[in-house]
């Protein structure tokens, strides 16, 4: 009798595990299908898409500066030929990609934090691409500003997650990642696609980035757009590199004087990750105190990464590194 009960319990557990695995597989497929549909509708860089030129007005409200007004240009014939141009009153950067080379022209030797954020925001192609290591954690129904949405939460590592929310038309309407809320609206039609004419990024309800598309067409793609300026620096690279991965990080020492004065906060630093995985050109962009900045600078230069790659070839990559100092 006991043996029969044990066998029955084992069978029930096996069936329950099988059912759970089936539900998990179905959830993964359903979530990926929602995102793939949104990508098909809005990815103007999908294979076979016609060349285009996208021109946008940009309004940035970085935490340490006043409002900034500028422009963003992205001209694309393929992932093998493109131009990305950012212009603000005190900053400009032009990058031109041809094959396996990227030429860069810039007026300073680093990117401000707000510009790093802008480049992250406008990359809809990346937002709608699912990494092979990402899994669907949940799918939920919700309303955002009165609009019904289906939201897919993706998880890569315990602390790396994002949520993409799709509207009834199948387009990406809202997303949560990087601790920020992203809103996509006023979609414009281009070559059978629907691209957001407005992108807003909110930090705790406050708009920190606003991008408004002014032009999206294929008319103004003269060859000069893809000709690097004299003096532009060429490096191995591509439009969508596989990003660097941290392999060795040394946490900065909390300065004793800062502890005593109860100074805490986050230090943001620009860094260049070289092809050997070492960190160069570290520039502190934002810090609550100079001692926290100095400690971060000293430590980060000793960090080591698996470098970014393009087609398996190591390439340089610029990024923002953030280190938090908190007293408990």
C-alpha atoms as a PDB file:
ATOM      1  CA  UNK A   1       0.000   0.000   0.000  1.00  0.00           C
ATOM      2  CA  UNK A   2       2.775   2.436   0.960  1.00  0.00           C
ATOM      3  CA  UNK A   3       4.660   1.566  -2.217  1.00  0.00           C
ATOM      4  CA  UNK A   4       1.547   2.285  -4.289  1.00  0.00           C
ATOM      5  CA  UNK A   5       1.060   5.667  -2.603  1.00  0.00           C
ATOM      6  CA  UNK A   6       4.718   6.541  -3.161  1.00  0.00           C
ATOM      7  CA  UNK A   7       4.461   5.639  -6.847  1.00  0.00           C
ATOM      8  CA  UNK A   8       1.274   7.688  -7.161  1.00  0.00           C
ATOM      9  CA  UNK A   9       2.932  10.715  -5.515  1.00  0.00           C
ATOM     10  CA  UNK A  10       5.946  10.389  -7.816  1.00  0.00           C
ATOM     11  CA  UNK A  11       3.661  10.208 -10.854  1.00  0.00           C
ATOM     12  CA  UNK A  12       1.725  13.294  -9.741  1.00  0.00           C
ATOM     13  CA  UNK A  13       4.939  15.263  -9.227  1.00  0.00           C
ATOM     14  CA  UNK A  14       6.213  14.231 -12.654  1.00  0.00           C
ATOM     15  CA  UNK A  15       2.953  15.276 -14.315  1.00  0.00           C
ATOM     16  CA  UNK A  16       2.971  18.594 -12.439  1.00  0.00           C
ATOM     17  CA  UNK A  17       6.567  19.269 -13.500  1.00  0.00           C
ATOM     18  CA  UNK A  18       5.694  18.390 -17.094  1.00  0.00           C
ATOM     19  CA  UNK A  19       2.675  20.703 -16.998  1.00  0.00           C
ATOM     20  CA  UNK A  20       4.744  23.549 -15.546  1.00  0.00           C
ATOM     21  CA  UNK A  21       7.423  23.086 -18.213  1.00  0.00           C
ATOM     22  CA  UNK A  22       4.731  23.160 -20.888  1.00  0.00           C
ATOM     23  CA  UNK A  23       3.205  26.348 -19.503  1.00  0.00           C
ATOM     24  CA  UNK A  24       6.655  27.979 -19.324  1.00  0.00           C
ATOM     25  CA  UNK A  25       7.366  27.007 -22.939  1.00  0.00           C
ATOM     26  CA  UNK A  26       3.984  28.375 -24.070  1.00  0.00           C
ATOM     27  CA  UNK A  27       4.570  31.649 -22.191  1.00  0.00           C
ATOM     28  CA  UNK A  28       8.004  32.035 -23.818  1.00  0.00           C
ATOM     29  CA  UNK A  29       6.550  31.456 -27.288  1.00  0.00           C
ATOM     30  CA  UNK A  30       3.620  33.828 -26.703  1.00  0.00           C
ATOM     31  CA  UNK A  31       5.820  36.623 -25.360  1.00  0.00           C
ATOM     32  CA  UNK A  32       8.358  36.326 -28.155  1.00  0.00           C
ATOM     33  CA  UNK A  33       5.554  36.322 -30.743  1.00  0.00           C
ATOM     34  CA  UNK A  34       4.173  39.619 -29.366  1.00  0.00           C
ATOM     35  CA  UNK A  35       7.593  41.257 -29.545  1.00  0.00           C
ATOM     36  CA  UNK A  36       8.326  39.827 -32.988  1.00  0.00           C
ATOM     37  CA  UNK A  37       5.036  41.249 -34.290  1.00  0.00           C
ATOM     38  CA  UNK A  38       5.969  44.692 -32.924  1.00  0.00           C
ATOM     39  CA  UNK A  39       9.399  44.395 -34.534  1.00  0.00           C
ATOM     40  CA  UNK A  40       7.896  43.472 -37.906  1.00  0.00           C
ATOM     41  CA  UNK A  41       5.632  46.537 -37.726  1.00  0.00           C
ATOM     42  CA  UNK A  42       8.233  49.110 -36.632  1.00  0.00           C
ATOM     43  CA  UNK A  43      11.789  47.988 -37.428  1.00  0.00           C
ATOM     44  CA  UNK A  44      12.765  50.191 -40.376  1.00  0.00           C
ATOM     45  CA  UNK A  45      16.182  48.485 -40.398  1.00  0.00           C
ATOM     46  CA  UNK A  46      14.796  44.997 -40.994  1.00  0.00           C
ATOM     47  CA  UNK A  47      16.424  42.970 -43.812  1.00  0.00           C
ATOM     48  CA  UNK A  48      15.147  44.113 -47.194  1.00  0.00           C
ATOM     49  CA  UNK A  49      14.052  47.552 -45.932  1.00  0.00           C
ATOM     50  CA  UNK A  50      14.649  50.510 -48.291  1.00  0.00           C
ATOM     51  CA  UNK A  51      17.255  53.193 -47.475  1.00  0.00           C
ATOM     52  CA  UNK A  52      16.048  56.065 -45.320  1.00  0.00           C
ATOM     53  CA  UNK A  53      17.022  59.315 -43.674  1.00  0.00           C
ATOM     54  CA  UNK A  54      15.600  60.086 -40.221  1.00  0.00           C
ATOM     55  CA  UNK A  55      15.871  63.624 -38.855  1.00  0.00           C
ATOM     56  CA  UNK A  56      14.648  64.481 -35.348  1.00  0.00           C
ATOM     57  CA  UNK A  57      14.562  67.324 -32.846  1.00  0.00           C
ATOM     58  CA  UNK A  58      15.831  66.410 -29.406  1.00  0.00           C
ATOM     59  CA  UNK A  59      15.117  67.927 -26.001  1.00  0.00           C
ATOM     60  CA  UNK A  60      17.252  66.701 -23.089  1.00  0.00           C
ATOM     61  CA  UNK A  61      16.917  67.535 -19.404  1.00  0.00           C
ATOM     62  CA  UNK A  62      20.026  66.023 -17.762  1.00  0.00           C
ATOM     63  CA  UNK A  63      20.157  66.063 -13.941  1.00  0.00           C
ATOM     64  CA  UNK A  64      23.244  68.288 -13.698  1.00  0.00           C
ATOM     65  CA  UNK A  65      22.469  70.791 -16.483  1.00  0.00           C
ATOM     66  CA  UNK A  66      19.632  72.895 -17.802  1.00  0.00           C
ATOM     67  CA  UNK A  67      17.521  71.915 -20.801  1.00  0.00           C
ATOM     68  CA  UNK A  68      19.402  71.154 -24.011  1.00  0.00           C
ATOM     69  CA  UNK A  69      18.030  71.431 -27.543  1.00  0.00           C
ATOM     70  CA  UNK A  70      19.661  69.634 -30.433  1.00  0.00           C
ATOM     71  CA  UNK A  71      19.231  67.452 -33.502  1.00  0.00           C
ATOM     72  CA  UNK A  72      19.687  63.791 -34.349  1.00  0.00           C
ATOM     73  CA  UNK A  73      20.257  62.415 -37.865  1.00  0.00           C
ATOM     74  CA  UNK A  74      20.399  58.781 -38.900  1.00  0.00           C
ATOM     75  CA  UNK A  75      20.909  57.923 -42.571  1.00  0.00           C
ATOM     76  CA  UNK A  76      20.922  54.238 -43.506  1.00  0.00           C
ATOM     77  CA  UNK A  77      21.245  52.214 -46.676  1.00  0.00           C
ATOM     78  CA  UNK A  78      22.174  48.991 -44.879  1.00  0.00           C
ATOM     79  CA  UNK A  79      24.005  47.896 -41.757  1.00  0.00           C
ATOM     80  CA  UNK A  80      27.111  48.127 -43.957  1.00  0.00           C
ATOM     81  CA  UNK A  81      26.631  51.830 -44.748  1.00  0.00           C
ATOM     82  CA  UNK A  82      25.152  54.420 -42.373  1.00  0.00           C
ATOM     83  CA  UNK A  83      25.647  57.839 -40.827  1.00  0.00           C
ATOM     84  CA  UNK A  84      24.719  58.947 -37.305  1.00  0.00           C
ATOM     85  CA  UNK A  85      24.998  62.626 -36.417  1.00  0.00           C
ATOM     86  CA  UNK A  86      24.245  64.411 -33.135  1.00  0.00           C
ATOM     87  CA  UNK A  87      24.467  68.184 -32.738  1.00  0.00           C
ATOM     88  CA  UNK A  88      23.981  70.359 -29.662  1.00  0.00           C
ATOM     89  CA  UNK A  89      25.288  73.878 -28.912  1.00  0.00           C
ATOM     90  CA  UNK A  90      28.433  72.563 -27.140  1.00  0.00           C
ATOM     91  CA  UNK A  91      28.711  69.082 -28.565  1.00  0.00           C
ATOM     92  CA  UNK A  92      28.713  67.303 -31.887  1.00  0.00           C
ATOM     93  CA  UNK A  93      29.521  63.788 -33.002  1.00  0.00           C
ATOM     94  CA  UNK A  94      29.429  62.228 -36.461  1.00  0.00           C
ATOM     95  CA  UNK A  95      29.883  58.510 -36.995  1.00  0.00           C
ATOM     96  CA  UNK A  96      29.979  56.906 -40.442  1.00  0.00           C
ATOM     97  CA  UNK A  97      29.966  53.157 -40.898  1.00  0.00           C
ATOM     98  CA  UNK A  98      31.213  51.409 -44.028  1.00  0.00           C
ATOM     99  CA  UNK A  99      31.701  47.667 -43.966  1.00  0.00           C
ATOM    100  CA  UNK A 100      33.800  46.749 -40.924  1.00  0.00           C
ATOM    101  CA  UNK A 101      35.045  50.320 -40.292  1.00  0.00           C
ATOM    102  CA  UNK A 102      33.498  53.177 -38.331  1.00  0.00           C
ATOM    103  CA  UNK A 103      34.807  56.748 -38.699  1.00  0.00           C
ATOM    104  CA  UNK A 104      34.207  59.166 -35.837  1.00  0.00           C
ATOM    105  CA  UNK A 105      34.478  62.945 -35.644  1.00  0.00           C
ATOM    106  CA  UNK A 106      33.753  64.650 -32.304  1.00  0.00           C
ATOM    107  CA  UNK A 107      34.583  67.988 -30.674  1.00  0.00           C
ATOM    108  CA  UNK A 108      35.535  66.475 -27.279  1.00  0.00           C
ATOM    109  CA  UNK A 109      37.175  63.177 -26.338  1.00  0.00           C
ATOM    110  CA  UNK A 110      34.189  61.674 -24.503  1.00  0.00           C
ATOM    111  CA  UNK A 111      30.398  61.446 -24.656  1.00  0.00           C
ATOM    112  CA  UNK A 112      28.354  63.315 -22.041  1.00  0.00           C
ATOM    113  CA  UNK A 113      25.958  61.150 -20.058  1.00  0.00           C
ATOM    114  CA  UNK A 114      22.913  62.706 -21.749  1.00  0.00           C
ATOM    115  CA  UNK A 115      24.283  61.728 -25.187  1.00  0.00           C
ATOM    116  CA  UNK A 116      24.854  58.129 -24.095  1.00  0.00           C
ATOM    117  CA  UNK A 117      21.216  58.130 -22.968  1.00  0.00           C
ATOM    118  CA  UNK A 118      20.010  59.619 -26.253  1.00  0.00           C
ATOM    119  CA  UNK A 119      21.736  56.911 -28.294  1.00  0.00           C
ATOM    120  CA  UNK A 120      20.139  54.253 -26.108  1.00  0.00           C
ATOM    121  CA  UNK A 121      16.698  55.822 -26.539  1.00  0.00           C
ATOM    122  CA  UNK A 122      16.642  56.113 -30.341  1.00  0.00           C
ATOM    123  CA  UNK A 123      17.750  52.508 -30.947  1.00  0.00           C
ATOM    124  CA  UNK A 124      14.301  50.983 -31.500  1.00  0.00           C
ATOM    125  CA  UNK A 125      15.907  48.137 -33.449  1.00  0.00           C
ATOM    126  CA  UNK A 126      17.767  47.107 -30.288  1.00  0.00           C
ATOM    127  CA  UNK A 127      14.711  47.545 -28.043  1.00  0.00           C
ATOM    128  CA  UNK A 128      12.700  45.116 -30.188  1.00  0.00           C
ATOM    129  CA  UNK A 129      15.483  42.528 -30.473  1.00  0.00           C
ATOM    130  CA  UNK A 130      15.446  39.720 -27.920  1.00  0.00           C
ATOM    131  CA  UNK A 131      18.796  38.383 -26.749  1.00  0.00           C
ATOM    132  CA  UNK A 132      19.178  34.599 -26.872  1.00  0.00           C
ATOM    133  CA  UNK A 133      19.861  34.671 -23.114  1.00  0.00           C
ATOM    134  CA  UNK A 134      16.615  36.532 -22.319  1.00  0.00           C
ATOM    135  CA  UNK A 135      13.601  34.590 -21.108  1.00  0.00           C
ATOM    136  CA  UNK A 136       9.966  35.628 -20.740  1.00  0.00           C
ATOM    137  CA  UNK A 137       9.212  35.908 -17.034  1.00  0.00           C
ATOM    138  CA  UNK A 138       5.587  36.993 -17.340  1.00  0.00           C
ATOM    139  CA  UNK A 139       2.896  38.408 -19.618  1.00  0.00           C
ATOM    140  CA  UNK A 140       0.309  40.733 -18.104  1.00  0.00           C
ATOM    141  CA  UNK A 141      -2.577  42.936 -19.179  1.00  0.00           C
ATOM    142  CA  UNK A 142      -2.501  46.536 -17.978  1.00  0.00           C
ATOM    143  CA  UNK A 143      -3.601  50.046 -18.890  1.00  0.00           C
ATOM    144  CA  UNK A 144      -1.159  52.884 -19.378  1.00  0.00           C
ATOM    145  CA  UNK A 145      -2.751  56.334 -19.555  1.00  0.00           C
ATOM    146  CA  UNK A 146      -6.042  54.602 -20.299  1.00  0.00           C
ATOM    147  CA  UNK A 147      -4.693  52.500 -23.191  1.00  0.00           C
ATOM    148  CA  UNK A 148      -4.965  48.689 -22.874  1.00  0.00           C
ATOM    149  CA  UNK A 149      -1.578  47.017 -23.272  1.00  0.00           C
ATOM    150  CA  UNK A 150      -0.094  43.538 -23.167  1.00  0.00           C
ATOM    151  CA  UNK A 151       3.256  43.653 -21.396  1.00  0.00           C
ATOM    152  CA  UNK A 152       6.078  41.120 -21.723  1.00  0.00           C
ATOM    153  CA  UNK A 153       8.666  41.064 -18.957  1.00  0.00           C
ATOM    154  CA  UNK A 154      12.060  39.751 -20.090  1.00  0.00           C
ATOM    155  CA  UNK A 155      14.818  38.626 -17.770  1.00  0.00           C
ATOM    156  CA  UNK A 156      18.449  37.921 -18.587  1.00  0.00           C
ATOM    157  CA  UNK A 157      20.156  37.809 -15.205  1.00  0.00           C
ATOM    158  CA  UNK A 158      18.740  38.227 -11.704  1.00  0.00           C
ATOM    159  CA  UNK A 159      19.249  41.995 -11.887  1.00  0.00           C
ATOM    160  CA  UNK A 160      18.818  42.562 -15.621  1.00  0.00           C
ATOM    161  CA  UNK A 161      15.223  42.834 -16.747  1.00  0.00           C
ATOM    162  CA  UNK A 162      12.968  44.928 -18.958  1.00  0.00           C
ATOM    163  CA  UNK A 163       9.297  45.103 -19.862  1.00  0.00           C
ATOM    164  CA  UNK A 164       7.891  45.831 -23.327  1.00  0.00           C
ATOM    165  CA  UNK A 165       4.212  46.799 -23.625  1.00  0.00           C
ATOM    166  CA  UNK A 166       2.350  46.294 -26.912  1.00  0.00           C
ATOM    167  CA  UNK A 167      -0.880  48.083 -27.867  1.00  0.00           C
ATOM    168  CA  UNK A 168      -3.898  46.669 -29.727  1.00  0.00           C
ATOM    169  CA  UNK A 169      -2.356  47.689 -33.079  1.00  0.00           C
ATOM    170  CA  UNK A 170       0.670  45.514 -32.303  1.00  0.00           C
ATOM    171  CA  UNK A 171       3.156  48.376 -31.920  1.00  0.00           C
ATOM    172  CA  UNK A 172       5.446  49.054 -28.972  1.00  0.00           C
ATOM    173  CA  UNK A 173       3.698  51.709 -26.878  1.00  0.00           C
ATOM    174  CA  UNK A 174       5.591  51.735 -23.586  1.00  0.00           C
ATOM    175  CA  UNK A 175       8.650  50.101 -22.044  1.00  0.00           C
ATOM    176  CA  UNK A 176      10.488  49.941 -18.739  1.00  0.00           C
ATOM    177  CA  UNK A 177      14.247  49.404 -18.673  1.00  0.00           C
ATOM    178  CA  UNK A 178      17.314  51.012 -17.185  1.00  0.00           C
ATOM    179  CA  UNK A 179      15.142  52.341 -14.351  1.00  0.00           C
ATOM    180  CA  UNK A 180      13.291  54.595 -16.825  1.00  0.00           C
ATOM    181  CA  UNK A 181       9.876  54.661 -18.522  1.00  0.00           C
ATOM    182  CA  UNK A 182       9.833  54.962 -22.329  1.00  0.00           C
ATOM    183  CA  UNK A 183       6.750  56.124 -24.224  1.00  0.00           C
ATOM    184  CA  UNK A 184       6.265  55.662 -27.995  1.00  0.00           C
ATOM    185  CA  UNK A 185       3.472  57.495 -29.831  1.00  0.00           C
ATOM    186  CA  UNK A 186       2.399  59.495 -32.917  1.00  0.00           C
ATOM    187  CA  UNK A 187       3.470  56.699 -35.263  1.00  0.00           C
ATOM    188  CA  UNK A 188       4.383  57.673 -38.820  1.00  0.00           C
ATOM    189  CA  UNK A 189       4.115  55.388 -41.825  1.00  0.00           C
ATOM    190  CA  UNK A 190       7.244  54.595 -43.804  1.00  0.00           C
ATOM    191  CA  UNK A 191       7.684  51.799 -46.379  1.00  0.00           C
ATOM    192  CA  UNK A 192       4.956  49.684 -44.837  1.00  0.00           C
ATOM    193  CA  UNK A 193       6.269  50.205 -41.296  1.00  0.00           C
ATOM    194  CA  UNK A 194       4.960  52.243 -38.368  1.00  0.00           C
ATOM    195  CA  UNK A 195       7.744  54.166 -36.637  1.00  0.00           C
ATOM    196  CA  UNK A 196       7.176  56.251 -33.468  1.00  0.00           C
ATOM    197  CA  UNK A 197       7.150  59.938 -34.337  1.00  0.00           C
ATOM    198  CA  UNK A 198       7.537  60.761 -30.657  1.00  0.00           C
ATOM    199  CA  UNK A 199       9.655  59.076 -27.982  1.00  0.00           C
ATOM    200  CA  UNK A 200       9.609  60.329 -24.384  1.00  0.00           C
ATOM    201  CA  UNK A 201      11.718  59.028 -21.519  1.00  0.00           C
ATOM    202  CA  UNK A 202      10.551  59.600 -17.946  1.00  0.00           C
ATOM    203  CA  UNK A 203      12.501  59.336 -14.715  1.00  0.00           C
ATOM    204  CA  UNK A 204      10.046  59.071 -11.810  1.00  0.00           C
ATOM    205  CA  UNK A 205       7.425  60.867 -13.893  1.00  0.00           C
ATOM    206  CA  UNK A 206       9.704  63.675 -15.096  1.00  0.00           C
ATOM    207  CA  UNK A 207      10.587  63.875 -18.803  1.00  0.00           C
ATOM    208  CA  UNK A 208      14.369  63.647 -19.254  1.00  0.00           C
ATOM    209  CA  UNK A 209      14.481  62.982 -23.035  1.00  0.00           C
ATOM    210  CA  UNK A 210      12.063  63.877 -25.808  1.00  0.00           C
ATOM    211  CA  UNK A 211      12.645  62.990 -29.450  1.00  0.00           C
ATOM    212  CA  UNK A 212      10.340  64.281 -32.174  1.00  0.00           C
ATOM    213  CA  UNK A 213      10.776  62.944 -35.721  1.00  0.00           C
ATOM    214  CA  UNK A 214      10.671  65.753 -38.294  1.00  0.00           C
ATOM    215  CA  UNK A 215      11.583  63.787 -41.424  1.00  0.00           C
ATOM    216  CA  UNK A 216      11.572  60.126 -42.385  1.00  0.00           C
ATOM    217  CA  UNK A 217      12.108  59.578 -46.085  1.00  0.00           C
ATOM    218  CA  UNK A 218      14.483  58.149 -48.646  1.00  0.00           C
ATOM    219  CA  UNK A 219      14.965  61.233 -50.793  1.00  0.00           C
ATOM    220  CA  UNK A 220      18.092  62.917 -49.396  1.00  0.00           C
ATOM    221  CA  UNK A 221      20.737  60.203 -49.397  1.00  0.00           C
ATOM    222  CA  UNK A 222      23.471  61.817 -51.428  1.00  0.00           C
ATOM    223  CA  UNK A 223      26.857  59.972 -51.429  1.00  0.00           C
ATOM    224  CA  UNK A 224      28.495  62.827 -49.478  1.00  0.00           C
ATOM    225  CA  UNK A 225      26.515  61.749 -46.405  1.00  0.00           C
ATOM    226  CA  UNK A 226      28.631  58.595 -46.215  1.00  0.00           C
ATOM    227  CA  UNK A 227      31.999  60.211 -46.923  1.00  0.00           C
ATOM    228  CA  UNK A 228      34.097  60.666 -43.746  1.00  0.00           C
ATOM    229  CA  UNK A 229      35.494  64.142 -43.101  1.00  0.00           C
ATOM    230  CA  UNK A 230      39.217  64.725 -43.272  1.00  0.00           C
ATOM    231  CA  UNK A 231      40.616  64.031 -39.834  1.00  0.00           C
ATOM    232  CA  UNK A 232      37.872  61.597 -38.809  1.00  0.00           C
ATOM    233  CA  UNK A 233      39.294  58.677 -36.814  1.00  0.00           C
ATOM    234  CA  UNK A 234      38.693  55.190 -38.234  1.00  0.00           C
ATOM    235  CA  UNK A 235      38.351  52.063 -36.101  1.00  0.00           C
ATOM    236  CA  UNK A 236      37.116  48.504 -36.566  1.00  0.00           C
ATOM    237  CA  UNK A 237      33.438  48.489 -35.651  1.00  0.00           C
ATOM    238  CA  UNK A 238      29.806  48.011 -36.631  1.00  0.00           C
ATOM    239  CA  UNK A 239      26.343  49.399 -35.965  1.00  0.00           C
ATOM    240  CA  UNK A 240      25.234  46.691 -33.502  1.00  0.00           C
ATOM    241  CA  UNK A 241      28.229  45.278 -31.603  1.00  0.00           C
ATOM    242  CA  UNK A 242      27.853  42.594 -28.977  1.00  0.00           C
ATOM    243  CA  UNK A 243      28.390  44.616 -25.800  1.00  0.00           C
ATOM    244  CA  UNK A 244      31.283  44.241 -23.337  1.00  0.00           C
ATOM    245  CA  UNK A 245      30.818  42.004 -20.304  1.00  0.00           C
ATOM    246  CA  UNK A 246      32.420  42.715 -16.949  1.00  0.00           C
ATOM    247  CA  UNK A 247      34.882  40.039 -15.850  1.00  0.00           C
ATOM    248  CA  UNK A 248      36.775  41.684 -13.015  1.00  0.00           C
ATOM    249  CA  UNK A 249      35.610  44.704 -11.038  1.00  0.00           C
ATOM    250  CA  UNK A 250      37.163  46.223  -7.952  1.00  0.00           C
ATOM    251  CA  UNK A 251      34.662  48.136  -5.870  1.00  0.00           C
ATOM    252  CA  UNK A 252      35.919  51.641  -5.049  1.00  0.00           C
ATOM    253  CA  UNK A 253      36.908  52.367  -1.473  1.00  0.00           C
ATOM    254  CA  UNK A 254      34.399  54.563   0.346  1.00  0.00           C
ATOM    255  CA  UNK A 255      36.449  57.652   1.395  1.00  0.00           C
ATOM    256  CA  UNK A 256      36.455  57.973   5.184  1.00  0.00           C
ATOM    257  CA  UNK A 257      35.914  61.744   5.044  1.00  0.00           C
ATOM    258  CA  UNK A 258      32.813  61.216   2.859  1.00  0.00           C
ATOM    259  CA  UNK A 259      31.473  58.663   5.347  1.00  0.00           C
ATOM    260  CA  UNK A 260      31.933  61.043   8.243  1.00  0.00           C
ATOM    261  CA  UNK A 261      30.101  63.790   6.346  1.00  0.00           C
ATOM    262  CA  UNK A 262      27.351  61.329   5.350  1.00  0.00           C
ATOM    263  CA  UNK A 263      27.960  61.974   1.653  1.00  0.00           C
ATOM    264  CA  UNK A 264      26.431  59.360  -0.611  1.00  0.00           C
ATOM    265  CA  UNK A 265      25.191  59.028  -4.166  1.00  0.00           C
ATOM    266  CA  UNK A 266      26.033  57.653  -7.609  1.00  0.00           C
ATOM    267  CA  UNK A 267      29.110  58.408  -9.677  1.00  0.00           C
ATOM    268  CA  UNK A 268      28.676  58.203 -13.466  1.00  0.00           C
ATOM    269  CA  UNK A 269      31.770  57.891 -15.635  1.00  0.00           C
ATOM    270  CA  UNK A 270      32.413  57.631 -19.358  1.00  0.00           C
ATOM    271  CA  UNK A 271      34.823  54.820 -20.248  1.00  0.00           C
ATOM    272  CA  UNK A 272      36.397  53.324 -23.352  1.00  0.00           C
ATOM    273  CA  UNK A 273      36.627  49.520 -23.259  1.00  0.00           C
ATOM    274  CA  UNK A 274      39.525  48.571 -25.492  1.00  0.00           C
ATOM    275  CA  UNK A 275      39.938  45.443 -27.615  1.00  0.00           C
ATOM    276  CA  UNK A 276      42.072  43.921 -24.847  1.00  0.00           C
ATOM    277  CA  UNK A 277      39.309  44.413 -22.281  1.00  0.00           C
ATOM    278  CA  UNK A 278      41.137  47.144 -20.394  1.00  0.00           C
ATOM    279  CA  UNK A 279      39.502  50.439 -19.472  1.00  0.00           C
ATOM    280  CA  UNK A 280      40.817  53.719 -20.878  1.00  0.00           C
ATOM    281  CA  UNK A 281      39.794  57.376 -21.080  1.00  0.00           C
ATOM    282  CA  UNK A 282      37.724  57.336 -17.883  1.00  0.00           C
ATOM    283  CA  UNK A 283      35.979  60.696 -17.435  1.00  0.00           C
ATOM    284  CA  UNK A 284      33.753  61.379 -14.442  1.00  0.00           C
ATOM    285  CA  UNK A 285      30.470  62.798 -15.748  1.00  0.00           C
ATOM    286  CA  UNK A 286      28.528  63.212 -12.520  1.00  0.00           C
ATOM    287  CA  UNK A 287      29.305  62.810  -8.834  1.00  0.00           C
ATOM    288  CA  UNK A 288      27.936  63.919  -5.464  1.00  0.00           C
ATOM    289  CA  UNK A 289      31.459  64.691  -4.217  1.00  0.00           C
ATOM    290  CA  UNK A 290      35.000  64.967  -5.584  1.00  0.00           C
ATOM    291  CA  UNK A 291      36.308  62.292  -3.195  1.00  0.00           C
ATOM    292  CA  UNK A 292      33.749  59.762  -4.477  1.00  0.00           C
ATOM    293  CA  UNK A 293      34.731  60.690  -8.031  1.00  0.00           C
ATOM    294  CA  UNK A 294      38.449  60.187  -7.308  1.00  0.00           C
ATOM    295  CA  UNK A 295      37.844  56.799  -5.674  1.00  0.00           C
ATOM    296  CA  UNK A 296      35.713  55.655  -8.616  1.00  0.00           C
ATOM    297  CA  UNK A 297      38.286  56.837 -11.140  1.00  0.00           C
ATOM    298  CA  UNK A 298      41.086  54.945  -9.406  1.00  0.00           C
ATOM    299  CA  UNK A 299      39.106  51.695  -9.171  1.00  0.00           C
ATOM    300  CA  UNK A 300      37.413  51.629 -12.582  1.00  0.00           C
ATOM    301  CA  UNK A 301      40.721  51.915 -14.423  1.00  0.00           C
ATOM    302  CA  UNK A 302      41.588  48.491 -12.996  1.00  0.00           C
ATOM    303  CA  UNK A 303      38.384  46.810 -14.145  1.00  0.00           C
ATOM    304  CA  UNK A 304      38.595  44.176 -16.888  1.00  0.00           C
ATOM    305  CA  UNK A 305      35.979  43.281 -19.497  1.00  0.00           C
ATOM    306  CA  UNK A 306      35.311  40.774 -22.187  1.00  0.00           C
ATOM    307  CA  UNK A 307      35.498  43.292 -25.061  1.00  0.00           C
ATOM    308  CA  UNK A 308      32.698  44.205 -27.429  1.00  0.00           C
ATOM    309  CA  UNK A 309      32.739  42.297 -30.697  1.00  0.00           C
ATOM    310  CA  UNK A 310      31.534  42.652 -34.276  1.00  0.00           C
ATOM    311  CA  UNK A 311      31.194  39.304 -35.994  1.00  0.00           C
ATOM    312  CA  UNK A 312      33.416  37.807 -33.315  1.00  0.00           C
ATOM    313  CA  UNK A 313      36.168  40.413 -33.799  1.00  0.00           C
ATOM    314  CA  UNK A 314      37.000  42.510 -30.689  1.00  0.00           C
ATOM    315  CA  UNK A 315      36.256  46.230 -31.125  1.00  0.00           C
ATOM    316  CA  UNK A 316      36.459  49.327 -28.940  1.00  0.00           C
ATOM    317  CA  UNK A 317      33.290  50.425 -27.186  1.00  0.00           C
ATOM    318  CA  UNK A 318      32.318  53.527 -25.200  1.00  0.00           C
ATOM    319  CA  UNK A 319      29.932  53.192 -22.269  1.00  0.00           C
ATOM    320  CA  UNK A 320      28.752  54.746 -19.015  1.00  0.00           C
ATOM    321  CA  UNK A 321      29.831  53.042 -15.786  1.00  0.00           C
ATOM    322  CA  UNK A 322      27.872  53.839 -12.634  1.00  0.00           C
ATOM    323  CA  UNK A 323      29.035  53.206  -9.079  1.00  0.00           C
ATOM    324  CA  UNK A 324      26.807  53.794  -6.061  1.00  0.00           C
ATOM    325  CA  UNK A 325      28.001  54.842  -2.605  1.00  0.00           C
ATOM    326  CA  UNK A 326      25.424  54.355   0.133  1.00  0.00           C
ATOM    327  CA  UNK A 327      25.557  54.355   3.908  1.00  0.00           C
ATOM    328  CA  UNK A 328      23.391  51.859   5.743  1.00  0.00           C
END
